[in-house]
């Protein structure tokens, strides 16, 4: 069943991300939350994540972002309390045009009864 919960955690994250509902987005994570892009970023709690998420929203809007779609989602390692998922994400403009597609590895974990995303590593490269 953990495969379904891991996938549901990803979908909840994307729904909240598309709404730019920073509080709901923070609730889709487990902490500390780690993100690997060019370097590691560690976020200790929801308050810190909300502040970072709010600060990043103008950058998304400036690049023409309207929403993100999951192109593919493939669980590659599934355990009772952890799921590794390989995703393809599509950043889209308001008209649905995909302007950036990238692969990413996310790890969903079960912590204190809550399934949340705890790790994200992306290869984001503008088209």
C-alpha atoms as a PDB file:
ATOM      1  CA  UNK A   1       0.000   0.000   0.000  1.00  0.00           C
ATOM      2  CA  UNK A   2       2.947   2.408   0.523  1.00  0.00           C
ATOM      3  CA  UNK A   3       3.275   2.873  -3.252  1.00  0.00           C
ATOM      4  CA  UNK A   4      -0.203   4.432  -3.330  1.00  0.00           C
ATOM      5  CA  UNK A   5       0.549   6.652  -0.330  1.00  0.00           C
ATOM      6  CA  UNK A   6       3.833   7.831  -1.843  1.00  0.00           C
ATOM      7  CA  UNK A   7       2.122   8.657  -5.114  1.00  0.00           C
ATOM      8  CA  UNK A   8      -0.702  10.427  -3.267  1.00  0.00           C
ATOM      9  CA  UNK A   9       1.872  12.560  -1.407  1.00  0.00           C
ATOM     10  CA  UNK A  10       3.356  13.668  -4.744  1.00  0.00           C
ATOM     11  CA  UNK A  11      -0.070  14.487  -6.157  1.00  0.00           C
ATOM     12  CA  UNK A  12      -1.001  16.468  -3.022  1.00  0.00           C
ATOM     13  CA  UNK A  13       2.253  18.438  -3.345  1.00  0.00           C
ATOM     14  CA  UNK A  14       1.552  19.300  -7.005  1.00  0.00           C
ATOM     15  CA  UNK A  15      -2.054  20.313  -6.251  1.00  0.00           C
ATOM     16  CA  UNK A  16      -0.879  22.662  -3.487  1.00  0.00           C
ATOM     17  CA  UNK A  17       2.033  23.904  -5.624  1.00  0.00           C
ATOM     18  CA  UNK A  18      -0.290  24.762  -8.503  1.00  0.00           C
ATOM     19  CA  UNK A  19      -2.562  26.659  -6.117  1.00  0.00           C
ATOM     20  CA  UNK A  20       0.508  28.340  -4.592  1.00  0.00           C
ATOM     21  CA  UNK A  21      -1.077  27.524  -1.247  1.00  0.00           C
ATOM     22  CA  UNK A  22       2.126  27.697   0.763  1.00  0.00           C
ATOM     23  CA  UNK A  23       0.665  26.399   4.021  1.00  0.00           C
ATOM     24  CA  UNK A  24      -0.975  23.394   2.344  1.00  0.00           C
ATOM     25  CA  UNK A  25       2.217  22.801   0.373  1.00  0.00           C
ATOM     26  CA  UNK A  26       4.276  22.751   3.566  1.00  0.00           C
ATOM     27  CA  UNK A  27       1.859  20.184   5.015  1.00  0.00           C
ATOM     28  CA  UNK A  28       2.674  17.768   2.158  1.00  0.00           C
ATOM     29  CA  UNK A  29       6.260  17.448   3.368  1.00  0.00           C
ATOM     30  CA  UNK A  30       8.102  15.626   6.102  1.00  0.00           C
ATOM     31  CA  UNK A  31      10.900  17.442   7.922  1.00  0.00           C
ATOM     32  CA  UNK A  32      13.706  18.020   7.764  1.00  0.00           C
ATOM     33  CA  UNK A  33      13.042  18.404   4.053  1.00  0.00           C
ATOM     34  CA  UNK A  34      16.052  18.097   1.741  1.00  0.00           C
ATOM     35  CA  UNK A  35      16.312  19.394  -1.810  1.00  0.00           C
ATOM     36  CA  UNK A  36      19.249  18.788  -4.112  1.00  0.00           C
ATOM     37  CA  UNK A  37      19.703  21.026  -7.135  1.00  0.00           C
ATOM     38  CA  UNK A  38      23.186  22.495  -7.506  1.00  0.00           C
ATOM     39  CA  UNK A  39      23.705  22.012  -3.766  1.00  0.00           C
ATOM     40  CA  UNK A  40      21.813  20.605  -0.798  1.00  0.00           C
ATOM     41  CA  UNK A  41      19.150  22.716   0.867  1.00  0.00           C
ATOM     42  CA  UNK A  42      17.807  21.577   4.220  1.00  0.00           C
ATOM     43  CA  UNK A  43      14.558  23.024   5.521  1.00  0.00           C
ATOM     44  CA  UNK A  44      13.919  22.305   9.185  1.00  0.00           C
ATOM     45  CA  UNK A  45      10.197  22.965   9.531  1.00  0.00           C
ATOM     46  CA  UNK A  46       6.986  24.147   7.896  1.00  0.00           C
ATOM     47  CA  UNK A  47       7.481  27.818   8.835  1.00  0.00           C
ATOM     48  CA  UNK A  48      10.847  27.922   7.108  1.00  0.00           C
ATOM     49  CA  UNK A  49       9.428  26.143   4.053  1.00  0.00           C
ATOM     50  CA  UNK A  50       6.478  28.553   3.816  1.00  0.00           C
ATOM     51  CA  UNK A  51       8.819  31.556   3.873  1.00  0.00           C
ATOM     52  CA  UNK A  52      11.022  30.045   1.138  1.00  0.00           C
ATOM     53  CA  UNK A  53       8.007  29.037  -0.938  1.00  0.00           C
ATOM     54  CA  UNK A  54       6.504  32.527  -0.788  1.00  0.00           C
ATOM     55  CA  UNK A  55       9.851  34.042  -1.780  1.00  0.00           C
ATOM     56  CA  UNK A  56      10.092  31.730  -4.798  1.00  0.00           C
ATOM     57  CA  UNK A  57       6.623  32.426  -6.203  1.00  0.00           C
ATOM     58  CA  UNK A  58       7.570  35.671  -8.046  1.00  0.00           C
ATOM     59  CA  UNK A  59      10.404  33.826  -9.830  1.00  0.00           C
ATOM     60  CA  UNK A  60       7.948  31.214 -11.114  1.00  0.00           C
ATOM     61  CA  UNK A  61       5.579  33.911 -12.346  1.00  0.00           C
ATOM     62  CA  UNK A  62       8.469  35.793 -14.016  1.00  0.00           C
ATOM     63  CA  UNK A  63       9.403  32.724 -16.066  1.00  0.00           C
ATOM     64  CA  UNK A  64       5.836  32.470 -17.369  1.00  0.00           C
ATOM     65  CA  UNK A  65       4.806  29.573 -15.124  1.00  0.00           C
ATOM     66  CA  UNK A  66       1.102  28.932 -14.692  1.00  0.00           C
ATOM     67  CA  UNK A  67       1.033  25.336 -13.460  1.00  0.00           C
ATOM     68  CA  UNK A  68       2.996  22.103 -13.251  1.00  0.00           C
ATOM     69  CA  UNK A  69       1.828  18.733 -14.533  1.00  0.00           C
ATOM     70  CA  UNK A  70       3.168  15.312 -13.674  1.00  0.00           C
ATOM     71  CA  UNK A  71       4.203  13.759 -16.972  1.00  0.00           C
ATOM     72  CA  UNK A  72       5.231  10.408 -15.483  1.00  0.00           C
ATOM     73  CA  UNK A  73       5.434   8.953 -12.015  1.00  0.00           C
ATOM     74  CA  UNK A  74       7.232   5.675 -11.421  1.00  0.00           C
ATOM     75  CA  UNK A  75       7.872   4.171  -7.992  1.00  0.00           C
ATOM     76  CA  UNK A  76      11.294   2.492  -8.243  1.00  0.00           C
ATOM     77  CA  UNK A  77      11.877   1.386  -4.638  1.00  0.00           C
ATOM     78  CA  UNK A  78       8.986   0.652  -2.311  1.00  0.00           C
ATOM     79  CA  UNK A  79       9.238  -0.139   1.383  1.00  0.00           C
ATOM     80  CA  UNK A  80       6.788  -0.010   4.267  1.00  0.00           C
ATOM     81  CA  UNK A  81       7.780   3.512   5.282  1.00  0.00           C
ATOM     82  CA  UNK A  82       9.610   4.928   2.252  1.00  0.00           C
ATOM     83  CA  UNK A  83       9.023   5.152  -1.504  1.00  0.00           C
ATOM     84  CA  UNK A  84      11.493   6.407  -4.126  1.00  0.00           C
ATOM     85  CA  UNK A  85       9.694   7.903  -7.126  1.00  0.00           C
ATOM     86  CA  UNK A  86      11.111   8.950 -10.477  1.00  0.00           C
ATOM     87  CA  UNK A  87       9.020  11.726 -11.979  1.00  0.00           C
ATOM     88  CA  UNK A  88       8.861  13.770 -15.120  1.00  0.00           C
ATOM     89  CA  UNK A  89       7.505  17.226 -14.415  1.00  0.00           C
ATOM     90  CA  UNK A  90       6.184  19.659 -16.981  1.00  0.00           C
ATOM     91  CA  UNK A  91       6.143  23.375 -16.264  1.00  0.00           C
ATOM     92  CA  UNK A  92       3.338  24.938 -18.302  1.00  0.00           C
ATOM     93  CA  UNK A  93       2.177  28.349 -19.403  1.00  0.00           C
ATOM     94  CA  UNK A  94      -1.478  29.410 -19.027  1.00  0.00           C
ATOM     95  CA  UNK A  95      -2.305  28.088 -22.503  1.00  0.00           C
ATOM     96  CA  UNK A  96      -0.986  24.636 -21.541  1.00  0.00           C
ATOM     97  CA  UNK A  97       2.260  24.934 -23.486  1.00  0.00           C
ATOM     98  CA  UNK A  98       5.058  22.985 -21.807  1.00  0.00           C
ATOM     99  CA  UNK A  99       8.078  25.280 -21.593  1.00  0.00           C
ATOM    100  CA  UNK A 100      10.216  23.079 -19.366  1.00  0.00           C
ATOM    101  CA  UNK A 101      10.172  19.323 -18.787  1.00  0.00           C
ATOM    102  CA  UNK A 102      12.569  17.739 -16.345  1.00  0.00           C
ATOM    103  CA  UNK A 103      13.228  14.540 -14.463  1.00  0.00           C
ATOM    104  CA  UNK A 104      13.311  14.406 -10.715  1.00  0.00           C
ATOM    105  CA  UNK A 105      13.718  11.858  -7.930  1.00  0.00           C
ATOM    106  CA  UNK A 106      11.512  12.270  -4.880  1.00  0.00           C
ATOM    107  CA  UNK A 107      11.431  10.254  -1.700  1.00  0.00           C
ATOM    108  CA  UNK A 108       8.171  10.013   0.212  1.00  0.00           C
ATOM    109  CA  UNK A 109       8.407   8.852   3.822  1.00  0.00           C
ATOM    110  CA  UNK A 110       6.044   7.798   6.566  1.00  0.00           C
ATOM    111  CA  UNK A 111       6.872   9.823   9.704  1.00  0.00           C
ATOM    112  CA  UNK A 112       4.636   9.775  12.767  1.00  0.00           C
ATOM    113  CA  UNK A 113       1.714   8.463  10.706  1.00  0.00           C
ATOM    114  CA  UNK A 114       2.101  11.107   7.958  1.00  0.00           C
ATOM    115  CA  UNK A 115       3.134  10.347   4.385  1.00  0.00           C
ATOM    116  CA  UNK A 116       5.070  13.313   3.018  1.00  0.00           C
ATOM    117  CA  UNK A 117       7.799  14.226   0.587  1.00  0.00           C
ATOM    118  CA  UNK A 118      11.117  14.360   2.419  1.00  0.00           C
ATOM    119  CA  UNK A 119      13.656  14.564  -0.404  1.00  0.00           C
ATOM    120  CA  UNK A 120      13.657  16.041  -3.916  1.00  0.00           C
ATOM    121  CA  UNK A 121      16.479  16.024  -6.464  1.00  0.00           C
ATOM    122  CA  UNK A 122      15.834  17.673  -9.829  1.00  0.00           C
ATOM    123  CA  UNK A 123      17.514  18.280 -13.125  1.00  0.00           C
ATOM    124  CA  UNK A 124      15.756  21.496 -14.078  1.00  0.00           C
ATOM    125  CA  UNK A 125      17.020  22.798 -17.397  1.00  0.00           C
ATOM    126  CA  UNK A 126      15.230  25.484 -19.430  1.00  0.00           C
ATOM    127  CA  UNK A 127      14.221  24.473 -22.937  1.00  0.00           C
END
